[in-house]
Amino acid sequence: MLLRLTWLLLQKDLRVAARSREVFGFMLLFALLCVVVFAFGFLREGEAAAAQVPGVLWVTLLFSGTVGLLRLFAAEEEGGTLVLAERTLAGATPLLLSKALMQLLFSGVTTLLLLPVVLVFFDASLAQPVLVLAALALGLVGQAMLGALVAALLVHVRLREVLLPLVLYPLLAPLVIAGVRITVLTQAGAPAEALEGWLALMLGFDALVLVTAPWLHARVVEL
């Protein structure tokens, strides 16, 4: 029941997104704009600073992901079906999971399109692409799940556009810091053993969020 309802809600969101195309378009446009601004900002004597790639990449993904989170529950809120979607036979978990998967899909596609652009603009390369992609995947999973939770908790709050990043960014700090460190260490040619602690931190963070986020969302909806 849980998986079936989650899949049905995700299908509905995908159909809505395919018709409007606004959320993904805004995310991608914002991400590209950030990369261009950072590239020219870090330009030194005609050469881009390749050492800035880790920070630029993760900060851009964090900011662009927020654009998608601000519209994550817009369809249910504007259609007046948010309460009904939260009161399914399986509880509120299917709605949260479908929104997290939707955010993860948009962020994943944005990352795949953005990463080559960042490398080209900063004239950089990935020394250990598998490890970097693994860190990006873990980062996107944590951001999608925690972001969906925060967006759901703030859906009825005034000025949520301002509050969402203020609440979300400090919570995501361990994940972003670990991702940046992994990217920096791979660029420096560090052995895989040096990355194990940071990868373990990201795995633990994601596991904690995946377990606690549905429970916390369900408890808030029941209030």
N, C-alpha and C. Protein backbone atom coordinates (compact mmCIF):
# COMPACT_ATOMS: atom_id res chain seq x y z
N MET A 1 0.82 -1.21 0.00
CA MET A 1 0.00 0.00 0.00
C MET A 1 0.86 1.26 0.00
N LEU A 2 1.90 1.26 0.84
CA LEU A 2 2.77 2.43 0.94
C LEU A 2 3.46 2.71 -0.39
N LEU A 3 4.06 1.68 -0.97
CA LEU A 3 4.78 1.88 -2.23
C LEU A 3 3.84 2.23 -3.37
N ARG A 4 2.66 1.61 -3.37
CA ARG A 4 1.71 1.88 -4.45
C ARG A 4 1.21 3.32 -4.39
N LEU A 5 0.87 3.80 -3.21
CA LEU A 5 0.41 5.18 -3.08
C LEU A 5 1.53 6.17 -3.40
N THR A 6 2.73 5.85 -2.98
CA THR A 6 3.87 6.71 -3.29
C THR A 6 4.07 6.82 -4.79
N TRP A 7 4.00 5.69 -5.48
CA TRP A 7 4.17 5.67 -6.93
C TRP A 7 3.06 6.45 -7.63
N LEU A 8 1.82 6.31 -7.17
CA LEU A 8 0.70 7.04 -7.78
C LEU A 8 0.86 8.54 -7.60
N LEU A 9 1.27 8.96 -6.41
CA LEU A 9 1.48 10.39 -6.16
C LEU A 9 2.65 10.92 -6.97
N LEU A 10 3.70 10.12 -7.11
CA LEU A 10 4.84 10.54 -7.92
C LEU A 10 4.46 10.67 -9.39
N GLN A 11 3.66 9.73 -9.89
CA GLN A 11 3.19 9.83 -11.27
C GLN A 11 2.39 11.10 -11.49
N LYS A 12 1.54 11.43 -10.53
CA LYS A 12 0.76 12.66 -10.64
C LYS A 12 1.67 13.89 -10.69
N ASP A 13 2.67 13.92 -9.83
CA ASP A 13 3.61 15.05 -9.81
C ASP A 13 4.39 15.15 -11.12
N LEU A 14 4.78 14.00 -11.67
CA LEU A 14 5.52 14.00 -12.92
C LEU A 14 4.68 14.53 -14.08
N ARG A 15 3.40 14.18 -14.09
CA ARG A 15 2.51 14.69 -15.13
C ARG A 15 2.33 16.20 -15.01
N VAL A 16 2.16 16.68 -13.79
CA VAL A 16 2.02 18.12 -13.57
C VAL A 16 3.29 18.85 -13.97
N ALA A 17 4.44 18.29 -13.60
CA ALA A 17 5.72 18.93 -13.95
C ALA A 17 5.96 18.92 -15.45
N ALA A 18 5.54 17.84 -16.12
CA ALA A 18 5.73 17.77 -17.57
C ALA A 18 4.89 18.81 -18.29
N ARG A 19 3.73 19.13 -17.74
CA ARG A 19 2.88 20.14 -18.38
C ARG A 19 3.40 21.55 -18.14
N SER A 20 3.81 21.84 -16.93
CA SER A 20 4.22 23.21 -16.60
C SER A 20 5.70 23.47 -16.95
N ARG A 21 6.57 22.52 -16.61
CA ARG A 21 8.01 22.61 -16.86
C ARG A 21 8.67 23.78 -16.13
N GLU A 22 7.96 24.42 -15.26
CA GLU A 22 8.52 25.63 -14.66
C GLU A 22 9.55 25.32 -13.58
N VAL A 23 9.28 24.29 -12.74
CA VAL A 23 10.16 24.04 -11.61
C VAL A 23 11.55 23.61 -12.08
N PHE A 24 11.61 22.61 -12.94
CA PHE A 24 12.90 22.13 -13.42
C PHE A 24 13.62 23.21 -14.22
N GLY A 25 12.87 23.95 -15.02
CA GLY A 25 13.48 25.02 -15.80
C GLY A 25 14.09 26.09 -14.92
N PHE A 26 13.39 26.47 -13.85
CA PHE A 26 13.92 27.47 -12.93
C PHE A 26 15.16 26.94 -12.21
N MET A 27 15.11 25.67 -11.78
CA MET A 27 16.26 25.08 -11.08
C MET A 27 17.50 25.08 -11.97
N LEU A 28 17.33 24.63 -13.21
CA LEU A 28 18.47 24.55 -14.11
C LEU A 28 19.00 25.93 -14.48
N LEU A 29 18.09 26.86 -14.74
CA LEU A 29 18.51 28.22 -15.09
C LEU A 29 19.24 28.88 -13.93
N PHE A 30 18.73 28.71 -12.73
CA PHE A 30 19.36 29.29 -11.55
C PHE A 30 20.74 28.68 -11.32
N ALA A 31 20.86 27.36 -11.51
CA ALA A 31 22.14 26.70 -11.32
C ALA A 31 23.17 27.19 -12.33
N LEU A 32 22.77 27.29 -13.59
CA LEU A 32 23.69 27.78 -14.61
C LEU A 32 24.11 29.22 -14.35
N LEU A 33 23.16 30.04 -13.90
CA LEU A 33 23.48 31.43 -13.59
C LEU A 33 24.49 31.51 -12.45
N CYS A 34 24.32 30.68 -11.43
CA CYS A 34 25.26 30.66 -10.32
C CYS A 34 26.67 30.29 -10.79
N VAL A 35 26.76 29.29 -11.65
CA VAL A 35 28.06 28.85 -12.14
C VAL A 35 28.73 29.97 -12.93
N VAL A 36 27.99 30.63 -13.78
CA VAL A 36 28.56 31.72 -14.58
C VAL A 36 29.05 32.85 -13.68
N VAL A 37 28.24 33.21 -12.69
CA VAL A 37 28.64 34.30 -11.77
C VAL A 37 29.88 33.90 -10.99
N PHE A 38 29.90 32.68 -10.45
CA PHE A 38 31.07 32.22 -9.70
C PHE A 38 32.31 32.15 -10.58
N ALA A 39 32.13 31.69 -11.82
CA ALA A 39 33.27 31.56 -12.72
C ALA A 39 33.95 32.90 -12.98
N PHE A 40 33.14 33.91 -13.26
CA PHE A 40 33.72 35.24 -13.50
C PHE A 40 34.20 35.87 -12.20
N GLY A 41 33.57 35.52 -11.08
CA GLY A 41 34.01 36.06 -9.80
C GLY A 41 35.36 35.54 -9.37
N PHE A 42 35.64 34.27 -9.70
CA PHE A 42 36.91 33.67 -9.32
C PHE A 42 37.97 33.76 -10.42
N LEU A 43 37.65 34.44 -11.50
CA LEU A 43 38.60 34.57 -12.60
C LEU A 43 39.80 35.40 -12.15
N ARG A 44 40.99 34.87 -12.36
CA ARG A 44 42.21 35.57 -11.97
C ARG A 44 43.20 35.57 -13.14
N GLU A 45 43.49 36.76 -13.64
CA GLU A 45 44.46 36.93 -14.72
C GLU A 45 44.13 36.04 -15.91
N GLY A 46 42.85 36.01 -16.23
CA GLY A 46 42.42 35.26 -17.41
C GLY A 46 42.27 33.78 -17.20
N GLU A 47 42.54 33.25 -16.00
CA GLU A 47 42.42 31.82 -15.74
C GLU A 47 41.47 31.60 -14.57
N ALA A 48 40.56 30.64 -14.77
CA ALA A 48 39.62 30.31 -13.70
C ALA A 48 40.33 29.49 -12.63
N ALA A 49 39.89 29.65 -11.39
CA ALA A 49 40.51 28.95 -10.27
C ALA A 49 39.88 27.58 -10.11
N ALA A 50 40.57 26.53 -10.56
CA ALA A 50 40.04 25.17 -10.48
C ALA A 50 39.86 24.71 -9.04
N ALA A 51 40.63 25.30 -8.12
CA ALA A 51 40.53 24.90 -6.72
C ALA A 51 39.18 25.26 -6.10
N GLN A 52 38.44 26.15 -6.74
CA GLN A 52 37.14 26.58 -6.20
C GLN A 52 36.00 25.65 -6.62
N VAL A 53 36.29 24.65 -7.44
CA VAL A 53 35.24 23.78 -7.97
C VAL A 53 34.41 23.12 -6.87
N PRO A 54 35.01 22.52 -5.82
CA PRO A 54 34.20 21.87 -4.80
C PRO A 54 33.16 22.79 -4.16
N GLY A 55 33.61 23.97 -3.73
CA GLY A 55 32.67 24.89 -3.11
C GLY A 55 31.60 25.37 -4.06
N VAL A 56 32.01 25.73 -5.28
CA VAL A 56 31.04 26.22 -6.27
C VAL A 56 30.01 25.14 -6.59
N LEU A 57 30.46 23.92 -6.79
CA LEU A 57 29.56 22.83 -7.16
C LEU A 57 28.52 22.56 -6.08
N TRP A 58 28.96 22.42 -4.85
CA TRP A 58 28.02 22.07 -3.78
C TRP A 58 27.11 23.23 -3.39
N VAL A 59 27.64 24.43 -3.37
CA VAL A 59 26.79 25.58 -3.06
C VAL A 59 25.75 25.80 -4.15
N THR A 60 26.14 25.63 -5.40
CA THR A 60 25.19 25.79 -6.50
C THR A 60 24.07 24.76 -6.42
N LEU A 61 24.42 23.51 -6.13
CA LEU A 61 23.40 22.47 -6.00
C LEU A 61 22.50 22.74 -4.81
N LEU A 62 23.05 23.26 -3.74
CA LEU A 62 22.23 23.58 -2.56
C LEU A 62 21.24 24.69 -2.88
N PHE A 63 21.70 25.75 -3.52
CA PHE A 63 20.84 26.88 -3.85
C PHE A 63 19.78 26.49 -4.88
N SER A 64 20.19 25.79 -5.94
CA SER A 64 19.23 25.42 -6.98
C SER A 64 18.20 24.44 -6.45
N GLY A 65 18.60 23.56 -5.54
CA GLY A 65 17.64 22.65 -4.94
C GLY A 65 16.58 23.37 -4.15
N THR A 66 16.94 24.47 -3.53
CA THR A 66 15.97 25.24 -2.76
C THR A 66 14.87 25.80 -3.66
N VAL A 67 15.21 26.14 -4.89
CA VAL A 67 14.21 26.65 -5.83
C VAL A 67 13.12 25.60 -6.05
N GLY A 68 13.52 24.34 -6.19
CA GLY A 68 12.53 23.29 -6.36
C GLY A 68 11.71 23.04 -5.10
N LEU A 69 12.34 23.13 -3.94
CA LEU A 69 11.63 22.89 -2.69
C LEU A 69 10.54 23.92 -2.44
N LEU A 70 10.75 25.14 -2.88
CA LEU A 70 9.76 26.19 -2.65
C LEU A 70 8.45 25.91 -3.37
N ARG A 71 8.48 25.09 -4.44
CA ARG A 71 7.27 24.77 -5.20
C ARG A 71 6.88 23.30 -5.07
N LEU A 72 7.45 22.61 -4.09
CA LEU A 72 7.26 21.17 -4.00
C LEU A 72 5.81 20.78 -3.70
N PHE A 73 5.16 21.54 -2.85
CA PHE A 73 3.78 21.23 -2.46
C PHE A 73 2.78 22.20 -3.08
N ALA A 74 3.19 22.90 -4.12
CA ALA A 74 2.33 23.93 -4.70
C ALA A 74 1.07 23.35 -5.31
N ALA A 75 1.17 22.21 -5.99
CA ALA A 75 0.00 21.63 -6.66
C ALA A 75 -1.09 21.27 -5.66
N GLU A 76 -0.71 20.63 -4.56
CA GLU A 76 -1.70 20.24 -3.54
C GLU A 76 -2.26 21.46 -2.81
N GLU A 77 -1.39 22.42 -2.53
CA GLU A 77 -1.85 23.61 -1.81
C GLU A 77 -2.81 24.44 -2.65
N GLU A 78 -2.47 24.66 -3.91
CA GLU A 78 -3.33 25.46 -4.78
C GLU A 78 -4.61 24.74 -5.15
N GLY A 79 -4.56 23.42 -5.22
CA GLY A 79 -5.76 22.64 -5.55
C GLY A 79 -6.60 22.29 -4.35
N GLY A 80 -6.13 22.62 -3.16
CA GLY A 80 -6.89 22.34 -1.95
C GLY A 80 -6.95 20.87 -1.59
N THR A 81 -5.97 20.09 -2.05
CA THR A 81 -5.99 18.65 -1.80
C THR A 81 -4.88 18.20 -0.85
N LEU A 82 -4.22 19.13 -0.19
CA LEU A 82 -3.09 18.78 0.66
C LEU A 82 -3.54 17.90 1.83
N VAL A 83 -4.63 18.27 2.47
CA VAL A 83 -5.11 17.50 3.62
C VAL A 83 -5.51 16.09 3.19
N LEU A 84 -6.18 15.98 2.03
CA LEU A 84 -6.58 14.66 1.54
C LEU A 84 -5.36 13.80 1.22
N ALA A 85 -4.34 14.40 0.64
CA ALA A 85 -3.13 13.65 0.30
C ALA A 85 -2.40 13.18 1.54
N GLU A 86 -2.55 13.91 2.64
CA GLU A 86 -1.89 13.52 3.89
C GLU A 86 -2.68 12.48 4.66
N ARG A 87 -3.96 12.31 4.35
CA ARG A 87 -4.82 11.39 5.11
C ARG A 87 -5.11 10.12 4.32
N THR A 88 -4.10 9.53 3.72
CA THR A 88 -4.28 8.29 2.97
C THR A 88 -4.34 7.11 3.95
N LEU A 89 -4.65 5.93 3.41
CA LEU A 89 -4.70 4.73 4.24
C LEU A 89 -3.33 4.39 4.83
N ALA A 90 -2.30 4.79 4.15
CA ALA A 90 -0.93 4.55 4.63
C ALA A 90 -0.39 5.75 5.40
N GLY A 91 -1.23 6.72 5.71
CA GLY A 91 -0.79 7.89 6.44
C GLY A 91 -0.20 8.96 5.52
N ALA A 92 0.61 9.82 6.10
CA ALA A 92 1.19 10.93 5.35
C ALA A 92 2.52 10.57 4.69
N THR A 93 3.03 9.38 4.97
CA THR A 93 4.34 8.99 4.44
C THR A 93 4.40 8.94 2.92
N PRO A 94 3.37 8.39 2.22
CA PRO A 94 3.46 8.37 0.75
C PRO A 94 3.64 9.75 0.13
N LEU A 95 2.96 10.75 0.68
CA LEU A 95 3.10 12.10 0.14
C LEU A 95 4.52 12.61 0.31
N LEU A 96 5.08 12.42 1.50
CA LEU A 96 6.45 12.89 1.75
C LEU A 96 7.45 12.16 0.87
N LEU A 97 7.31 10.85 0.73
CA LEU A 97 8.24 10.08 -0.09
C LEU A 97 8.14 10.47 -1.55
N SER A 98 6.92 10.68 -2.04
CA SER A 98 6.76 11.07 -3.45
C SER A 98 7.39 12.44 -3.72
N LYS A 99 7.24 13.36 -2.77
CA LYS A 99 7.84 14.68 -2.95
C LYS A 99 9.37 14.60 -2.88
N ALA A 100 9.89 13.76 -1.98
CA ALA A 100 11.34 13.60 -1.89
C ALA A 100 11.90 12.98 -3.16
N LEU A 101 11.20 11.99 -3.71
CA LEU A 101 11.64 11.38 -4.97
C LEU A 101 11.57 12.36 -6.13
N MET A 102 10.55 13.20 -6.12
CA MET A 102 10.43 14.23 -7.15
C MET A 102 11.59 15.21 -7.06
N GLN A 103 11.89 15.65 -5.87
CA GLN A 103 13.01 16.57 -5.67
C GLN A 103 14.33 15.90 -6.06
N LEU A 104 14.48 14.63 -5.70
CA LEU A 104 15.70 13.90 -6.03
C LEU A 104 15.87 13.76 -7.55
N LEU A 105 14.78 13.52 -8.25
CA LEU A 105 14.83 13.40 -9.70
C LEU A 105 15.27 14.71 -10.34
N PHE A 106 14.65 15.81 -9.95
CA PHE A 106 15.01 17.11 -10.50
C PHE A 106 16.46 17.47 -10.16
N SER A 107 16.85 17.25 -8.91
CA SER A 107 18.21 17.58 -8.50
C SER A 107 19.24 16.70 -9.20
N GLY A 108 18.89 15.42 -9.40
CA GLY A 108 19.81 14.52 -10.08
C GLY A 108 20.05 14.91 -11.52
N VAL A 109 18.98 15.24 -12.23
CA VAL A 109 19.13 15.67 -13.63
C VAL A 109 19.91 16.98 -13.70
N THR A 110 19.60 17.90 -12.79
CA THR A 110 20.33 19.17 -12.75
C THR A 110 21.82 18.95 -12.52
N THR A 111 22.15 18.02 -11.62
CA THR A 111 23.55 17.72 -11.32
C THR A 111 24.27 17.15 -12.53
N LEU A 112 23.63 16.21 -13.22
CA LEU A 112 24.24 15.60 -14.40
C LEU A 112 24.50 16.63 -15.50
N LEU A 113 23.62 17.61 -15.62
CA LEU A 113 23.82 18.65 -16.62
C LEU A 113 24.79 19.72 -16.16
N LEU A 114 24.83 19.94 -14.84
CA LEU A 114 25.64 21.04 -14.31
C LEU A 114 27.10 20.66 -14.16
N LEU A 115 27.39 19.43 -13.78
CA LEU A 115 28.76 19.03 -13.50
C LEU A 115 29.70 19.27 -14.68
N PRO A 116 29.36 18.86 -15.90
CA PRO A 116 30.27 19.17 -17.03
C PRO A 116 30.46 20.67 -17.25
N VAL A 117 29.40 21.44 -17.01
CA VAL A 117 29.50 22.89 -17.19
C VAL A 117 30.49 23.49 -16.19
N VAL A 118 30.42 23.04 -14.94
CA VAL A 118 31.35 23.53 -13.92
C VAL A 118 32.79 23.18 -14.29
N LEU A 119 33.01 21.96 -14.73
CA LEU A 119 34.36 21.54 -15.08
C LEU A 119 34.90 22.33 -16.26
N VAL A 120 34.04 22.64 -17.23
CA VAL A 120 34.48 23.42 -18.39
C VAL A 120 34.79 24.85 -18.00
N PHE A 121 33.89 25.49 -17.25
CA PHE A 121 34.08 26.89 -16.88
C PHE A 121 35.31 27.09 -16.00
N PHE A 122 35.61 26.10 -15.15
CA PHE A 122 36.73 26.25 -14.22
C PHE A 122 37.97 25.48 -14.70
N ASP A 123 37.88 24.94 -15.92
CA ASP A 123 39.02 24.24 -16.51
C ASP A 123 39.58 23.21 -15.54
N ALA A 124 38.69 22.37 -15.01
CA ALA A 124 39.08 21.38 -14.01
C ALA A 124 38.69 19.98 -14.48
N SER A 125 39.13 18.99 -13.74
CA SER A 125 38.79 17.60 -14.02
C SER A 125 38.61 16.86 -12.70
N LEU A 126 37.93 15.73 -12.76
CA LEU A 126 37.70 14.92 -11.57
C LEU A 126 38.71 13.77 -11.55
N ALA A 127 39.58 13.78 -10.54
CA ALA A 127 40.61 12.75 -10.45
C ALA A 127 40.00 11.38 -10.13
N GLN A 128 38.97 11.35 -9.29
CA GLN A 128 38.30 10.11 -8.90
C GLN A 128 36.80 10.29 -9.08
N PRO A 129 36.31 10.25 -10.31
CA PRO A 129 34.90 10.58 -10.58
C PRO A 129 33.91 9.68 -9.87
N VAL A 130 34.25 8.41 -9.66
CA VAL A 130 33.31 7.49 -9.00
C VAL A 130 33.03 7.95 -7.57
N LEU A 131 34.07 8.32 -6.85
CA LEU A 131 33.90 8.78 -5.48
C LEU A 131 33.15 10.10 -5.42
N VAL A 132 33.44 11.00 -6.35
CA VAL A 132 32.73 12.29 -6.38
C VAL A 132 31.25 12.08 -6.68
N LEU A 133 30.96 11.22 -7.65
CA LEU A 133 29.57 10.94 -7.99
C LEU A 133 28.84 10.25 -6.84
N ALA A 134 29.55 9.38 -6.12
CA ALA A 134 28.95 8.74 -4.95
C ALA A 134 28.61 9.78 -3.87
N ALA A 135 29.53 10.72 -3.64
CA ALA A 135 29.27 11.78 -2.67
C ALA A 135 28.11 12.66 -3.11
N LEU A 136 28.05 12.97 -4.40
CA LEU A 136 26.94 13.78 -4.91
C LEU A 136 25.61 13.06 -4.74
N ALA A 137 25.61 11.76 -5.00
CA ALA A 137 24.38 10.98 -4.84
C ALA A 137 23.92 10.99 -3.39
N LEU A 138 24.85 10.77 -2.47
CA LEU A 138 24.49 10.80 -1.05
C LEU A 138 24.01 12.18 -0.63
N GLY A 139 24.65 13.21 -1.15
CA GLY A 139 24.23 14.56 -0.83
C GLY A 139 22.84 14.88 -1.34
N LEU A 140 22.54 14.45 -2.57
CA LEU A 140 21.23 14.73 -3.15
C LEU A 140 20.12 13.97 -2.43
N VAL A 141 20.40 12.74 -2.00
CA VAL A 141 19.40 11.97 -1.25
C VAL A 141 19.06 12.66 0.06
N GLY A 142 20.09 13.05 0.80
CA GLY A 142 19.84 13.73 2.07
C GLY A 142 19.14 15.06 1.90
N GLN A 143 19.56 15.82 0.88
CA GLN A 143 18.92 17.11 0.64
C GLN A 143 17.46 16.94 0.23
N ALA A 144 17.18 15.95 -0.60
CA ALA A 144 15.80 15.74 -1.06
C ALA A 144 14.89 15.35 0.09
N MET A 145 15.33 14.41 0.91
CA MET A 145 14.48 13.93 2.00
C MET A 145 14.30 14.98 3.08
N LEU A 146 15.40 15.58 3.52
CA LEU A 146 15.31 16.60 4.56
C LEU A 146 14.62 17.85 4.03
N GLY A 147 14.89 18.20 2.78
CA GLY A 147 14.23 19.36 2.19
C GLY A 147 12.74 19.16 2.06
N ALA A 148 12.31 17.96 1.66
CA ALA A 148 10.88 17.68 1.56
C ALA A 148 10.22 17.77 2.93
N LEU A 149 10.91 17.30 3.96
CA LEU A 149 10.36 17.39 5.31
C LEU A 149 10.18 18.84 5.75
N VAL A 150 11.22 19.64 5.58
CA VAL A 150 11.14 21.04 5.99
C VAL A 150 10.07 21.78 5.18
N ALA A 151 10.00 21.51 3.87
CA ALA A 151 8.97 22.15 3.04
C ALA A 151 7.57 21.75 3.49
N ALA A 152 7.40 20.50 3.89
CA ALA A 152 6.10 20.05 4.37
C ALA A 152 5.73 20.69 5.70
N LEU A 153 6.69 20.84 6.59
CA LEU A 153 6.41 21.43 7.89
C LEU A 153 6.11 22.93 7.79
N LEU A 154 6.63 23.57 6.75
CA LEU A 154 6.44 25.02 6.60
C LEU A 154 5.36 25.37 5.59
N VAL A 155 4.63 24.38 5.09
CA VAL A 155 3.70 24.64 4.00
C VAL A 155 2.59 25.60 4.39
N HIS A 156 2.20 25.63 5.66
CA HIS A 156 1.13 26.52 6.11
C HIS A 156 1.66 27.77 6.81
N VAL A 157 2.96 27.97 6.79
CA VAL A 157 3.58 29.07 7.51
C VAL A 157 3.75 30.26 6.58
N ARG A 158 3.44 31.45 7.08
CA ARG A 158 3.68 32.65 6.30
C ARG A 158 5.18 32.89 6.17
N LEU A 159 5.57 33.52 5.04
CA LEU A 159 6.97 33.80 4.75
C LEU A 159 7.81 32.52 4.70
N ARG A 160 7.22 31.41 4.26
CA ARG A 160 7.98 30.16 4.20
C ARG A 160 9.11 30.24 3.20
N GLU A 161 8.98 31.12 2.18
CA GLU A 161 10.07 31.28 1.21
C GLU A 161 11.34 31.78 1.89
N VAL A 162 11.15 32.58 2.95
CA VAL A 162 12.30 33.10 3.69
C VAL A 162 12.77 32.10 4.74
N LEU A 163 11.81 31.44 5.39
CA LEU A 163 12.15 30.54 6.49
C LEU A 163 12.77 29.23 6.01
N LEU A 164 12.38 28.75 4.84
CA LEU A 164 12.85 27.43 4.40
C LEU A 164 14.38 27.36 4.34
N PRO A 165 15.06 28.26 3.64
CA PRO A 165 16.53 28.16 3.65
C PRO A 165 17.13 28.41 5.02
N LEU A 166 16.51 29.27 5.83
CA LEU A 166 17.05 29.54 7.16
C LEU A 166 16.99 28.31 8.05
N VAL A 167 15.97 27.49 7.86
CA VAL A 167 15.84 26.25 8.65
C VAL A 167 16.65 25.12 8.02
N LEU A 168 16.61 25.02 6.71
CA LEU A 168 17.20 23.88 6.02
C LEU A 168 18.72 23.92 5.98
N TYR A 169 19.30 25.06 5.67
CA TYR A 169 20.75 25.11 5.46
C TYR A 169 21.56 24.69 6.68
N PRO A 170 21.23 25.15 7.89
CA PRO A 170 21.99 24.65 9.05
C PRO A 170 21.87 23.14 9.25
N LEU A 171 20.69 22.58 8.95
CA LEU A 171 20.50 21.14 9.10
C LEU A 171 21.33 20.36 8.08
N LEU A 172 21.50 20.93 6.90
CA LEU A 172 22.26 20.26 5.84
C LEU A 172 23.76 20.51 5.93
N ALA A 173 24.19 21.33 6.86
CA ALA A 173 25.60 21.70 6.95
C ALA A 173 26.54 20.50 7.03
N PRO A 174 26.28 19.49 7.88
CA PRO A 174 27.20 18.33 7.91
C PRO A 174 27.32 17.63 6.57
N LEU A 175 26.21 17.49 5.86
CA LEU A 175 26.21 16.81 4.57
C LEU A 175 27.00 17.60 3.53
N VAL A 176 26.79 18.91 3.49
CA VAL A 176 27.48 19.75 2.52
C VAL A 176 28.98 19.82 2.82
N ILE A 177 29.32 19.95 4.09
CA ILE A 177 30.75 20.01 4.47
C ILE A 177 31.46 18.71 4.08
N ALA A 178 30.80 17.59 4.37
CA ALA A 178 31.40 16.30 4.01
C ALA A 178 31.56 16.16 2.50
N GLY A 179 30.55 16.60 1.75
CA GLY A 179 30.64 16.53 0.30
C GLY A 179 31.75 17.40 -0.26
N VAL A 180 31.90 18.59 0.28
CA VAL A 180 32.97 19.48 -0.16
C VAL A 180 34.34 18.88 0.15
N ARG A 181 34.47 18.32 1.35
CA ARG A 181 35.75 17.73 1.73
C ARG A 181 36.12 16.54 0.84
N ILE A 182 35.14 15.72 0.50
CA ILE A 182 35.41 14.58 -0.38
C ILE A 182 35.87 15.07 -1.75
N THR A 183 35.21 16.10 -2.27
CA THR A 183 35.58 16.63 -3.57
C THR A 183 36.97 17.26 -3.54
N VAL A 184 37.28 17.95 -2.46
CA VAL A 184 38.61 18.56 -2.31
C VAL A 184 39.69 17.49 -2.24
N LEU A 185 39.44 16.45 -1.44
CA LEU A 185 40.44 15.39 -1.28
C LEU A 185 40.67 14.62 -2.58
N THR A 186 39.61 14.40 -3.33
CA THR A 186 39.78 13.69 -4.61
C THR A 186 40.59 14.54 -5.59
N GLN A 187 40.34 15.84 -5.58
CA GLN A 187 41.14 16.73 -6.45
C GLN A 187 42.61 16.73 -6.06
N ALA A 188 42.86 16.57 -4.75
CA ALA A 188 44.25 16.56 -4.27
C ALA A 188 44.92 15.20 -4.46
N GLY A 189 44.16 14.23 -4.97
CA GLY A 189 44.74 12.91 -5.19
C GLY A 189 44.86 12.07 -3.94
N ALA A 190 44.04 12.33 -2.94
CA ALA A 190 44.10 11.58 -1.69
C ALA A 190 43.64 10.14 -1.92
N PRO A 191 44.19 9.18 -1.17
CA PRO A 191 43.76 7.79 -1.33
C PRO A 191 42.33 7.59 -0.82
N ALA A 192 41.72 6.50 -1.26
CA ALA A 192 40.32 6.24 -0.88
C ALA A 192 40.15 6.11 0.63
N GLU A 193 41.20 5.63 1.31
CA GLU A 193 41.11 5.47 2.76
C GLU A 193 40.88 6.80 3.47
N ALA A 194 41.39 7.88 2.89
CA ALA A 194 41.23 9.19 3.52
C ALA A 194 39.81 9.72 3.41
N LEU A 195 39.01 9.12 2.53
CA LEU A 195 37.64 9.58 2.32
C LEU A 195 36.62 8.76 3.10
N GLU A 196 37.05 7.65 3.69
CA GLU A 196 36.11 6.74 4.33
C GLU A 196 35.31 7.41 5.44
N GLY A 197 35.99 8.23 6.24
CA GLY A 197 35.30 8.89 7.35
C GLY A 197 34.22 9.84 6.86
N TRP A 198 34.52 10.62 5.82
CA TRP A 198 33.54 11.56 5.27
C TRP A 198 32.37 10.83 4.61
N LEU A 199 32.68 9.75 3.89
CA LEU A 199 31.60 8.96 3.27
C LEU A 199 30.72 8.32 4.34
N ALA A 200 31.35 7.85 5.42
CA ALA A 200 30.57 7.26 6.51
C ALA A 200 29.66 8.31 7.15
N LEU A 201 30.16 9.54 7.27
CA LEU A 201 29.33 10.62 7.81
C LEU A 201 28.12 10.87 6.92
N MET A 202 28.31 10.89 5.61
CA MET A 202 27.20 11.12 4.70
C MET A 202 26.20 9.97 4.73
N LEU A 203 26.71 8.74 4.78
CA LEU A 203 25.83 7.58 4.87
C LEU A 203 25.02 7.60 6.16
N GLY A 204 25.68 7.91 7.27
CA GLY A 204 24.97 7.98 8.55
C GLY A 204 23.93 9.09 8.57
N PHE A 205 24.28 10.23 7.99
CA PHE A 205 23.33 11.35 7.92
C PHE A 205 22.11 10.96 7.11
N ASP A 206 22.31 10.36 5.94
CA ASP A 206 21.19 9.95 5.10
C ASP A 206 20.33 8.91 5.79
N ALA A 207 20.96 7.94 6.44
CA ALA A 207 20.21 6.90 7.13
C ALA A 207 19.34 7.50 8.24
N LEU A 208 19.90 8.44 8.98
CA LEU A 208 19.15 9.09 10.04
C LEU A 208 17.96 9.86 9.49
N VAL A 209 18.18 10.59 8.41
CA VAL A 209 17.10 11.38 7.81
C VAL A 209 16.02 10.48 7.23
N LEU A 210 16.41 9.42 6.55
CA LEU A 210 15.43 8.52 5.93
C LEU A 210 14.56 7.82 6.96
N VAL A 211 15.10 7.61 8.14
CA VAL A 211 14.32 6.95 9.20
C VAL A 211 13.44 7.94 9.96
N THR A 212 14.00 9.09 10.30
CA THR A 212 13.28 10.01 11.18
C THR A 212 12.32 10.94 10.45
N ALA A 213 12.62 11.29 9.19
CA ALA A 213 11.79 12.27 8.48
C ALA A 213 10.33 11.79 8.31
N PRO A 214 10.07 10.56 7.81
CA PRO A 214 8.67 10.12 7.70
C PRO A 214 7.96 10.07 9.05
N TRP A 215 8.68 9.62 10.08
CA TRP A 215 8.07 9.54 11.41
C TRP A 215 7.71 10.93 11.92
N LEU A 216 8.63 11.89 11.78
CA LEU A 216 8.37 13.24 12.27
C LEU A 216 7.25 13.89 11.48
N HIS A 217 7.22 13.69 10.17
CA HIS A 217 6.15 14.27 9.35
C HIS A 217 4.79 13.69 9.74
N ALA A 218 4.73 12.40 9.96
CA ALA A 218 3.47 11.76 10.37
C ALA A 218 2.99 12.29 11.72
N ARG A 219 3.91 12.49 12.64
CA ARG A 219 3.54 13.01 13.95
C ARG A 219 2.99 14.43 13.86
N VAL A 220 3.60 15.26 13.03
CA VAL A 220 3.12 16.63 12.88
C VAL A 220 1.73 16.66 12.22
N VAL A 221 1.53 15.81 11.22
CA VAL A 221 0.23 15.78 10.54
C VAL A 221 -0.88 15.35 11.48
N GLU A 222 -0.56 14.46 12.43
CA GLU A 222 -1.57 13.97 13.36
C GLU A 222 -2.00 15.01 14.37
N LEU A 223 -1.19 16.04 14.57
CA LEU A 223 -1.51 17.06 15.56
C LEU A 223 -2.74 17.88 15.17
